[in-house]
Amino acid sequence: MPLIIVAIGIVALLVLIMWLKLNTFVSLIIVSFGVALALGMPLDSIVSSIEAGLGGTLGHLALIFGLGAMLGRLIADAGGAQRIAMTLIDKFGEKNIQWAVVVASFIIGIALFFEVGLVLLIPIVFTISKQLKVSILYLGIPMAAALSVTHGFLPPHPGPTVIAGEYGANIGEVLLYGFILAIPTVIIAGPIFTKLAKKLVPDSFNRTGDIASLGEQKTFKIEDTPGFGISVFTAMFPVILMSIATVISMVQKTMDITDNKAFEIVRFVGNASTAMLLSLLLAVFTMGLARNIPMKTVMNSCGIAIANIGMLLLIIGGGGAFKQVLIDGGVGGYVAELFIGTSLSPILLAWIIAAILRIALGSATVAALTTAGLVIPMLGTSDVNLALVVLATGAGSLIASHVNDAGFWMFKEFFGLTLKETFATWTLLETIISVAGLAFILLLSLVV
């Protein structure tokens, strides 16, 4: 059975990394080959599948991660991250700093992809951690919760937007109900779950300050840092560009305005990679040249940023290779066969199928889109609210992120965690978001 092969592959990966202490990237590639063979994939297609998975994942993420890492490093090395951190501490107070991170992450998460929000916020979160001498995870878990919830539940993120189109749901309803679900879910999976996580992996909550994924961080006197306004503007510039593009695109669709060159330009500038490149160029000026920092010094900061994330990118690519082998090996089709002829409620069915596909395949987007194809035939015979089915699909596709998901490795490497600590924090966090989301969806279904 394909699901048993997937389970054996995951166990083998854990043995290679935790027991034999093999490099994570090498372990992922070895297991990808082994699982491909076990699933009976043709020998002449295994290598191309692994290459496609690695290339497809990095093709989407490498530009964003590379440019984002350089942007974050420039803001940090100029003292901008420290200025933002100190201002947030002053405004919210040390006792409420976790809520400051939640609010900032939620706002940024609405406009940006999970990965973009992560690379923009991490330097600020690490700086706050260092200033207040609090655990990085104390702030990092609420940050990740807010980014993940907005990514899974709220348009204009790709998952909920595309699924709404597939189901024929009203995008406005998805957004409204998504907000209603998102706020309590973030509170439960963020600040509340952090207290449980601290008991599960207490050692990981003892770490503050510098972490390998960012390299050594500079410390400044507050008067030597850039102003708060220009620091925030530079950090938020990709948010601004992507938000403008999103709003204009939504207005165009709503008003059925004919496409033209102006809209093409807006979409081009608002693309995540373009927005990150333009933001990096802005940071070179605002955080470098405008402060009389030589271009050589500015470029040295960019070089250090890329050097620090080199292995992280390979590991993420390895996770993508493993995911692609599972998809090409037919695991998704096997799961689909399990639910032929079922009479479950569309809300529960969408959540269950998306959850199983997410655990088996790793990709939340692939799980959600595959689920849509399986659930659509049932919607014609049911009067269920389509917006809630969209949200149930999104919730199911977030559950139990583990070794076949790029997000798992991002969180692990960025926060310098062991595999055990990542399962006890990130995997459990995603599961709480998924289950809490379903619970709130079922409650909403009683009144809408």
Protein backbone atom coordinates (compact mmCIF):
# COMPACT_ATOMS: atom_id res chain seq x y z
CA MET A 1 0.00 0.00 0.00
CA PRO A 2 1.31 3.46 -0.93
CA LEU A 3 0.52 4.95 2.49
CA ILE A 4 2.57 2.23 4.23
CA ILE A 5 5.48 2.95 1.87
CA VAL A 6 5.21 6.65 2.73
CA ALA A 7 5.26 5.82 6.45
CA ILE A 8 8.34 3.58 6.04
CA GLY A 9 10.05 6.35 4.07
CA ILE A 10 9.43 8.87 6.84
CA VAL A 11 10.76 6.48 9.49
CA ALA A 12 13.86 5.84 7.35
CA LEU A 13 14.42 9.59 7.04
CA LEU A 14 14.23 10.03 10.81
CA VAL A 15 16.70 7.17 11.33
CA LEU A 16 19.19 8.66 8.85
CA ILE A 17 19.06 12.13 10.40
CA MET A 18 18.60 11.42 14.12
CA TRP A 19 20.42 8.10 14.59
CA LEU A 20 23.05 8.00 11.84
CA LYS A 21 23.53 11.82 11.97
CA LEU A 22 23.55 12.05 8.17
CA ASN A 23 23.23 15.47 6.55
CA THR A 24 19.53 16.41 6.20
CA PHE A 25 19.70 17.22 2.49
CA VAL A 26 21.55 14.00 1.66
CA SER A 27 19.04 12.02 3.76
CA LEU A 28 16.08 13.56 1.91
CA ILE A 29 17.55 12.67 -1.47
CA ILE A 30 18.36 9.08 -0.40
CA VAL A 31 14.83 8.55 0.93
CA SER A 32 13.32 10.13 -2.20
CA PHE A 33 15.12 7.54 -4.35
CA GLY A 34 14.13 4.70 -2.02
CA VAL A 35 10.45 5.66 -1.86
CA ALA A 36 10.31 6.15 -5.65
CA LEU A 37 11.62 2.61 -6.15
CA ALA A 38 9.22 1.19 -3.56
CA LEU A 39 6.24 2.91 -5.22
CA GLY A 40 7.17 1.21 -8.48
CA MET A 41 8.01 4.32 -10.47
CA PRO A 42 9.74 3.62 -13.83
CA LEU A 43 13.50 3.78 -13.40
CA ASP A 44 13.92 6.30 -16.21
CA SER A 45 11.52 8.76 -14.54
CA ILE A 46 12.81 8.71 -10.94
CA VAL A 47 15.71 11.12 -11.42
CA SER A 48 13.62 13.53 -13.49
CA SER A 49 10.90 13.49 -10.80
CA ILE A 50 13.42 14.28 -8.06
CA GLU A 51 14.99 17.03 -10.17
CA ALA A 52 11.54 18.46 -10.98
CA GLY A 53 10.58 18.51 -7.29
CA LEU A 54 13.83 20.15 -6.21
CA GLY A 55 13.80 22.62 -9.09
CA GLY A 56 10.10 23.41 -8.80
CA THR A 57 10.37 24.16 -5.09
CA LEU A 58 13.51 26.25 -5.39
CA GLY A 59 12.23 27.89 -8.57
CA HIS A 60 9.42 29.37 -6.51
CA LEU A 61 11.37 30.00 -3.33
CA ALA A 62 15.01 30.70 -4.22
CA LEU A 63 14.42 34.23 -5.53
CA ILE A 64 12.10 35.11 -2.66
CA PHE A 65 14.38 33.59 -0.02
CA GLY A 66 17.59 34.94 -1.52
CA LEU A 67 16.32 38.49 -2.05
CA GLY A 68 14.42 38.40 1.25
CA ALA A 69 17.48 37.27 3.18
CA MET A 70 19.53 40.12 1.66
CA LEU A 71 16.76 42.63 2.39
CA GLY A 72 16.50 41.47 6.00
CA ARG A 73 20.26 41.52 6.43
CA LEU A 74 20.58 45.08 5.09
CA ILE A 75 17.84 46.30 7.43
CA ALA A 76 19.47 44.47 10.35
CA ASP A 77 23.05 45.59 9.58
CA ALA A 78 21.95 49.23 9.26
CA GLY A 79 20.17 49.08 12.63
CA GLY A 80 16.68 49.28 11.11
CA ALA A 81 15.54 46.00 12.65
CA GLN A 82 16.75 47.19 16.06
CA ARG A 83 14.88 50.50 15.65
CA ILE A 84 11.64 48.66 14.72
CA ALA A 85 12.10 46.23 17.61
CA MET A 86 12.77 48.95 20.20
CA THR A 87 9.79 51.01 19.01
CA LEU A 88 7.46 48.01 19.26
CA ILE A 89 8.78 47.29 22.75
CA ASP A 90 8.22 50.93 23.79
CA LYS A 91 4.69 51.09 22.34
CA PHE A 92 3.37 47.71 23.49
CA GLY A 93 5.51 47.18 26.59
CA GLU A 94 7.59 44.12 27.36
CA LYS A 95 4.63 42.19 28.78
CA ASN A 96 2.59 42.59 25.57
CA ILE A 97 5.38 42.11 23.04
CA GLN A 98 4.05 38.70 22.00
CA TRP A 99 0.77 40.34 20.99
CA ALA A 100 2.69 43.00 19.06
CA VAL A 101 4.33 40.23 17.04
CA VAL A 102 0.94 38.53 16.48
CA VAL A 103 -0.67 41.75 15.19
CA ALA A 104 2.28 42.62 12.94
CA SER A 105 2.46 39.06 11.56
CA PHE A 106 -1.29 38.91 10.92
CA ILE A 107 -1.28 42.20 9.00
CA ILE A 108 1.76 41.22 6.95
CA GLY A 109 0.42 37.68 6.47
CA ILE A 110 -2.78 38.92 4.81
CA ALA A 111 -0.80 40.46 1.96
CA LEU A 112 2.23 38.19 1.65
CA PHE A 113 2.96 34.53 0.99
CA PHE A 114 3.99 32.58 4.09
CA GLU A 115 7.60 32.35 2.92
CA VAL A 116 7.90 36.10 2.21
CA GLY A 117 6.41 37.05 5.58
CA LEU A 118 8.79 34.65 7.29
CA VAL A 119 11.99 36.09 5.79
CA LEU A 120 10.82 39.67 6.44
CA LEU A 121 9.79 39.17 10.06
CA ILE A 122 12.53 36.85 11.33
CA PRO A 123 15.26 39.54 11.65
CA ILE A 124 12.85 41.74 13.64
CA VAL A 125 11.70 38.87 15.87
CA PHE A 126 15.31 37.83 16.54
CA THR A 127 16.24 41.42 17.41
CA ILE A 128 13.34 41.72 19.87
CA SER A 129 14.38 38.39 21.37
CA LYS A 130 17.92 39.65 21.86
CA GLN A 131 16.85 43.02 23.30
CA LEU A 132 14.42 41.55 25.83
CA LYS A 133 16.40 38.34 26.43
CA VAL A 134 13.28 36.25 25.77
CA SER A 135 13.11 32.98 23.85
CA ILE A 136 13.09 33.20 20.07
CA LEU A 137 10.34 30.56 20.02
CA TYR A 138 8.26 32.63 22.48
CA LEU A 139 7.90 35.13 19.64
CA GLY A 140 8.45 32.81 16.67
CA ILE A 141 5.51 30.47 17.33
CA PRO A 142 2.88 33.27 17.38
CA MET A 143 4.52 34.77 14.28
CA ALA A 144 4.36 31.46 12.40
CA ALA A 145 0.77 30.85 13.58
CA ALA A 146 -0.44 34.18 12.21
CA LEU A 147 1.36 33.72 8.90
CA SER A 148 0.11 30.14 8.48
CA VAL A 149 -3.53 30.93 9.32
CA THR A 150 -3.70 33.83 6.87
CA HIS A 151 -2.01 31.67 4.22
CA GLY A 152 -4.51 28.83 4.64
CA PHE A 153 -7.79 30.71 5.22
CA LEU A 154 -7.73 34.14 3.63
CA PRO A 155 -7.87 35.28 0.00
CA PRO A 156 -5.90 36.57 -1.88
CA HIS A 157 -3.60 33.68 -0.91
CA PRO A 158 -3.44 31.09 -3.71
CA GLY A 159 -5.02 28.15 -1.84
CA PRO A 160 -8.34 29.68 -0.71
CA THR A 161 -8.60 31.84 -3.84
CA VAL A 162 -8.19 28.97 -6.30
CA ILE A 163 -10.37 26.57 -4.29
CA ALA A 164 -13.15 29.20 -4.10
CA GLY A 165 -13.05 29.40 -7.89
CA GLU A 166 -13.16 25.60 -8.21
CA TYR A 167 -16.16 25.29 -5.86
CA GLY A 168 -17.93 28.37 -7.26
CA ALA A 169 -17.95 29.99 -3.80
CA ASN A 170 -18.36 33.72 -3.21
CA ILE A 171 -14.85 35.07 -2.58
CA GLY A 172 -16.24 37.82 -0.33
CA GLU A 173 -17.92 35.24 1.91
CA VAL A 174 -14.71 33.21 2.07
CA LEU A 175 -12.83 36.34 3.17
CA LEU A 176 -15.47 37.32 5.76
CA TYR A 177 -15.83 33.85 7.29
CA GLY A 178 -12.07 33.39 7.02
CA PHE A 179 -11.51 36.45 9.22
CA ILE A 180 -14.04 35.18 11.75
CA LEU A 181 -12.18 31.86 11.96
CA ALA A 182 -8.67 33.27 11.72
CA ILE A 183 -8.69 35.51 14.79
CA PRO A 184 -9.56 32.89 17.47
CA THR A 185 -7.45 30.27 15.66
CA VAL A 186 -4.36 32.51 15.76
CA ILE A 187 -4.90 33.19 19.47
CA ILE A 188 -5.17 29.45 20.25
CA ALA A 189 -2.30 28.35 18.00
CA GLY A 190 -0.10 31.33 18.89
CA PRO A 191 0.10 32.75 22.44
CA ILE A 192 -1.89 29.94 24.09
CA PHE A 193 -0.04 27.07 22.38
CA THR A 194 3.30 28.70 23.20
CA LYS A 195 2.68 27.90 26.88
CA LEU A 196 2.19 24.20 26.06
CA ALA A 197 5.20 24.11 23.72
CA LYS A 198 7.39 25.50 26.50
CA LYS A 199 6.50 22.47 28.62
CA LEU A 200 7.03 20.01 25.77
CA VAL A 201 10.50 21.24 24.72
CA PRO A 202 11.77 23.48 27.54
CA ASP A 203 15.38 23.47 26.31
CA SER A 204 14.45 25.10 23.01
CA PHE A 205 12.93 28.04 24.93
CA ASN A 206 16.28 28.88 26.50
CA ARG A 207 17.72 30.27 23.25
CA THR A 208 17.86 34.01 22.62
CA GLY A 209 19.85 36.28 20.33
CA ASP A 210 21.90 35.12 17.35
CA ILE A 211 21.06 32.02 15.34
CA ALA A 212 23.02 30.40 12.51
CA SER A 213 20.40 31.08 9.82
CA LEU A 214 20.95 34.85 10.21
CA GLY A 215 24.61 34.92 11.19
CA GLU A 216 26.04 37.22 13.81
CA GLN A 217 23.86 40.27 14.43
CA LYS A 218 25.21 43.77 15.11
CA THR A 219 24.09 45.88 18.07
CA PHE A 220 23.69 49.66 17.84
CA LYS A 221 23.08 52.67 20.03
CA ILE A 222 19.52 53.74 19.25
CA GLU A 223 20.68 57.19 18.04
CA ASP A 224 22.88 55.50 15.41
CA THR A 225 19.99 53.60 13.77
CA PRO A 226 17.77 54.77 10.89
CA GLY A 227 14.45 56.41 11.75
CA PHE A 228 11.45 54.22 12.56
CA GLY A 229 9.48 55.51 9.59
CA ILE A 230 12.09 54.75 6.93
CA SER A 231 12.93 51.40 8.58
CA VAL A 232 9.28 50.29 8.51
CA PHE A 233 8.76 51.65 4.98
CA THR A 234 11.78 49.70 3.71
CA ALA A 235 10.72 46.47 5.47
CA MET A 236 7.07 46.88 4.37
CA PHE A 237 7.78 47.95 0.78
CA PRO A 238 7.13 44.44 -0.65
CA VAL A 239 3.89 44.34 1.38
CA ILE A 240 2.84 47.67 -0.14
CA LEU A 241 3.63 46.62 -3.71
CA MET A 242 1.91 43.24 -3.42
CA SER A 243 -1.12 44.72 -1.62
CA ILE A 244 -1.65 47.35 -4.31
CA ALA A 245 -1.43 44.72 -7.04
CA THR A 246 -3.86 42.44 -5.19
CA VAL A 247 -6.45 45.16 -4.59
CA ILE A 248 -6.30 46.38 -8.20
CA SER A 249 -6.63 42.81 -9.52
CA MET A 250 -9.66 42.16 -7.28
CA VAL A 251 -11.29 45.43 -8.40
CA GLN A 252 -10.64 44.47 -12.03
CA LYS A 253 -12.32 41.08 -11.58
CA THR A 254 -15.23 42.47 -9.56
CA MET A 255 -15.98 45.24 -12.07
CA ASP A 256 -15.17 43.00 -15.05
CA ILE A 257 -12.71 45.53 -16.49
CA THR A 258 -10.97 44.47 -19.70
CA ASP A 259 -7.33 43.57 -19.25
CA ASN A 260 -4.76 45.98 -20.66
CA LYS A 261 -1.05 46.87 -20.44
CA ALA A 262 -1.51 48.90 -17.24
CA PHE A 263 -2.94 45.88 -15.40
CA GLU A 264 -0.12 43.70 -16.74
CA ILE A 265 2.43 46.17 -15.33
CA VAL A 266 0.68 46.24 -11.95
CA ARG A 267 0.68 42.43 -11.78
CA PHE A 268 4.33 42.32 -12.81
CA VAL A 269 5.40 44.83 -10.14
CA GLY A 270 3.23 43.11 -7.53
CA ASN A 271 4.65 39.65 -8.22
CA ALA A 272 6.47 38.39 -5.11
CA SER A 273 9.87 38.08 -6.82
CA THR A 274 9.65 41.49 -8.54
CA ALA A 275 8.48 43.15 -5.32
CA MET A 276 11.38 41.64 -3.38
CA LEU A 277 13.93 42.79 -5.98
CA LEU A 278 12.58 46.36 -5.98
CA SER A 279 12.54 46.32 -2.17
CA LEU A 280 16.16 45.16 -2.07
CA LEU A 281 17.19 48.04 -4.38
CA LEU A 282 15.31 50.45 -2.11
CA ALA A 283 17.10 49.01 0.94
CA VAL A 284 20.50 49.40 -0.76
CA PHE A 285 19.73 53.11 -0.89
CA THR A 286 17.81 53.76 2.37
CA MET A 287 19.84 51.43 4.59
CA GLY A 288 23.17 51.91 2.79
CA LEU A 289 24.03 54.70 0.39
CA ALA A 290 21.75 57.30 2.02
CA ARG A 291 23.55 56.69 5.32
CA ASN A 292 26.99 57.04 3.69
CA ILE A 293 27.72 53.32 3.91
CA PRO A 294 30.01 52.28 1.00
CA MET A 295 28.52 50.01 -1.68
CA LYS A 296 31.24 47.43 -0.95
CA THR A 297 30.05 47.17 2.68
CA VAL A 298 26.41 46.93 1.55
CA MET A 299 27.23 44.12 -0.90
CA ASN A 300 29.27 42.34 1.78
CA SER A 301 26.12 42.21 3.93
CA CYS A 302 24.23 40.69 0.98
CA GLY A 303 26.96 38.08 0.49
CA ILE A 304 26.86 37.07 4.16
CA ALA A 305 23.06 36.73 3.99
CA ILE A 306 23.25 34.31 1.05
CA ALA A 307 26.07 32.29 2.62
CA ASN A 308 23.97 31.76 5.75
CA ILE A 309 20.96 30.33 3.88
CA GLY A 310 22.79 28.13 1.36
CA MET A 311 22.21 24.83 3.17
CA LEU A 312 18.69 25.93 4.14
CA LEU A 313 17.79 26.28 0.44
CA LEU A 314 19.19 22.83 -0.37
CA ILE A 315 17.22 21.25 2.48
CA ILE A 316 14.01 22.94 1.32
CA GLY A 317 14.73 21.69 -2.21
CA GLY A 318 15.24 18.18 -0.83
CA GLY A 319 11.83 18.37 0.83
CA GLY A 320 10.37 19.39 -2.52
CA ALA A 321 12.02 16.38 -4.20
CA PHE A 322 10.48 14.01 -1.63
CA LYS A 323 7.06 15.63 -2.12
CA GLN A 324 7.27 15.27 -5.93
CA VAL A 325 8.16 11.58 -5.73
CA LEU A 326 5.04 10.97 -3.63
CA ILE A 327 2.88 12.86 -6.13
CA ASP A 328 4.37 11.19 -9.22
CA GLY A 329 4.29 7.81 -7.48
CA GLY A 330 0.48 7.91 -7.37
CA VAL A 331 -0.09 8.37 -3.64
CA GLY A 332 -2.73 11.05 -4.28
CA GLY A 333 -4.67 8.80 -6.65
CA TYR A 334 -4.66 6.01 -4.06
CA VAL A 335 -6.14 8.34 -1.42
CA ALA A 336 -8.81 9.45 -3.89
CA GLU A 337 -9.93 5.83 -4.39
CA LEU A 338 -10.49 5.44 -0.63
CA PHE A 339 -13.36 7.97 -0.67
CA ILE A 340 -15.30 6.85 -3.74
CA GLY A 341 -19.02 6.55 -2.87
CA THR A 342 -18.81 8.13 0.60
CA SER A 343 -21.86 9.87 2.13
CA LEU A 344 -20.04 12.15 4.55
CA SER A 345 -20.93 15.84 4.92
CA PRO A 346 -19.01 17.87 2.28
CA ILE A 347 -17.40 19.97 5.05
CA LEU A 348 -16.06 16.92 6.91
CA LEU A 349 -15.19 15.10 3.69
CA ALA A 350 -13.21 18.08 2.36
CA TRP A 351 -11.29 18.39 5.63
CA ILE A 352 -10.53 14.65 5.93
CA ILE A 353 -9.37 14.21 2.33
CA ALA A 354 -7.25 17.38 2.45
CA ALA A 355 -5.72 16.26 5.77
CA ILE A 356 -4.79 12.78 4.48
CA LEU A 357 -3.36 14.22 1.26
CA ARG A 358 -1.40 16.83 3.22
CA ILE A 359 0.15 14.17 5.48
CA ALA A 360 0.87 11.88 2.54
CA LEU A 361 2.08 14.42 -0.04
CA GLY A 362 3.43 17.32 2.02
CA SER A 363 2.22 20.22 -0.12
CA ALA A 364 -0.75 22.15 1.30
CA THR A 365 -1.58 23.61 -2.12
CA VAL A 366 -1.48 20.24 -3.89
CA ALA A 367 -3.59 18.69 -1.11
CA ALA A 368 -6.18 21.46 -1.37
CA LEU A 369 -6.44 21.41 -5.16
CA THR A 370 -6.62 17.61 -5.30
CA THR A 371 -9.36 17.67 -2.66
CA ALA A 372 -11.37 20.14 -4.74
CA GLY A 373 -11.45 17.71 -7.65
CA LEU A 374 -12.77 14.94 -5.39
CA VAL A 375 -15.38 17.01 -3.50
CA ILE A 376 -16.90 19.00 -6.39
CA PRO A 377 -19.12 16.10 -7.60
CA MET A 378 -20.76 15.98 -4.15
CA LEU A 379 -21.61 19.68 -3.99
CA GLY A 380 -24.44 19.49 -6.52
CA THR A 381 -26.48 17.22 -4.24
CA SER A 382 -25.95 19.27 -1.05
CA ASP A 383 -27.10 22.68 0.18
CA VAL A 384 -23.94 23.23 2.25
CA ASN A 385 -22.40 26.72 2.35
CA LEU A 386 -19.66 26.64 -0.31
CA ALA A 387 -17.49 29.22 1.47
CA LEU A 388 -17.32 26.90 4.50
CA VAL A 389 -16.29 23.97 2.28
CA VAL A 390 -13.48 26.16 0.91
CA LEU A 391 -12.30 26.94 4.45
CA ALA A 392 -12.60 23.29 5.52
CA THR A 393 -10.40 22.30 2.58
CA GLY A 394 -7.87 24.96 3.57
CA ALA A 395 -7.92 23.85 7.21
CA GLY A 396 -7.38 20.20 6.31
CA SER A 397 -4.50 21.07 4.00
CA LEU A 398 -2.55 22.64 6.90
CA ILE A 399 -2.55 19.67 9.28
CA ALA A 400 0.56 17.90 10.60
CA SER A 401 3.29 19.48 8.49
CA HIS A 402 6.26 17.11 8.68
CA VAL A 403 9.36 15.97 6.79
CA ASN A 404 7.79 16.02 3.30
CA ASP A 405 6.81 19.69 3.60
CA ALA A 406 9.18 22.57 2.82
CA GLY A 407 7.62 24.64 5.63
CA PHE A 408 8.79 22.07 8.20
CA TRP A 409 12.41 22.48 7.13
CA MET A 410 12.13 26.29 6.94
CA PHE A 411 10.94 26.48 10.55
CA LYS A 412 13.51 23.92 11.74
CA GLU A 413 16.52 25.57 10.10
CA PHE A 414 15.52 29.19 10.74
CA PHE A 415 15.03 28.58 14.46
CA GLY A 416 17.91 26.13 14.84
CA LEU A 417 15.76 23.27 16.18
CA THR A 418 16.27 19.53 16.34
CA LEU A 419 13.81 17.23 14.57
CA LYS A 420 12.15 16.38 17.89
CA GLU A 421 11.74 20.06 18.75
CA THR A 422 10.33 20.82 15.29
CA PHE A 423 7.71 18.07 15.60
CA ALA A 424 6.75 19.32 19.07
CA THR A 425 6.42 22.94 17.91
CA TRP A 426 5.81 23.39 14.18
CA THR A 427 4.02 20.09 13.43
CA LEU A 428 1.81 20.42 16.49
CA LEU A 429 1.19 24.11 15.74
CA GLU A 430 -0.08 23.30 12.23
CA THR A 431 -2.27 20.50 13.59
CA ILE A 432 -3.85 22.85 16.15
CA ILE A 433 -4.58 25.39 13.39
CA SER A 434 -6.22 22.67 11.29
CA VAL A 435 -8.35 21.15 14.06
CA ALA A 436 -9.33 24.50 15.61
CA GLY A 437 -10.21 25.77 12.14
CA LEU A 438 -12.50 22.79 11.54
CA ALA A 439 -14.17 23.26 14.94
CA PHE A 440 -14.94 26.92 14.22
CA ILE A 441 -16.16 26.03 10.70
CA LEU A 442 -18.62 23.48 12.13
CA LEU A 443 -19.85 26.08 14.63
CA LEU A 444 -20.32 28.61 11.84
CA SER A 445 -22.21 26.03 9.76
CA LEU A 446 -24.93 26.03 12.44
CA VAL A 447 -25.73 29.71 11.84
CA VAL A 448 -24.92 30.41 8.16
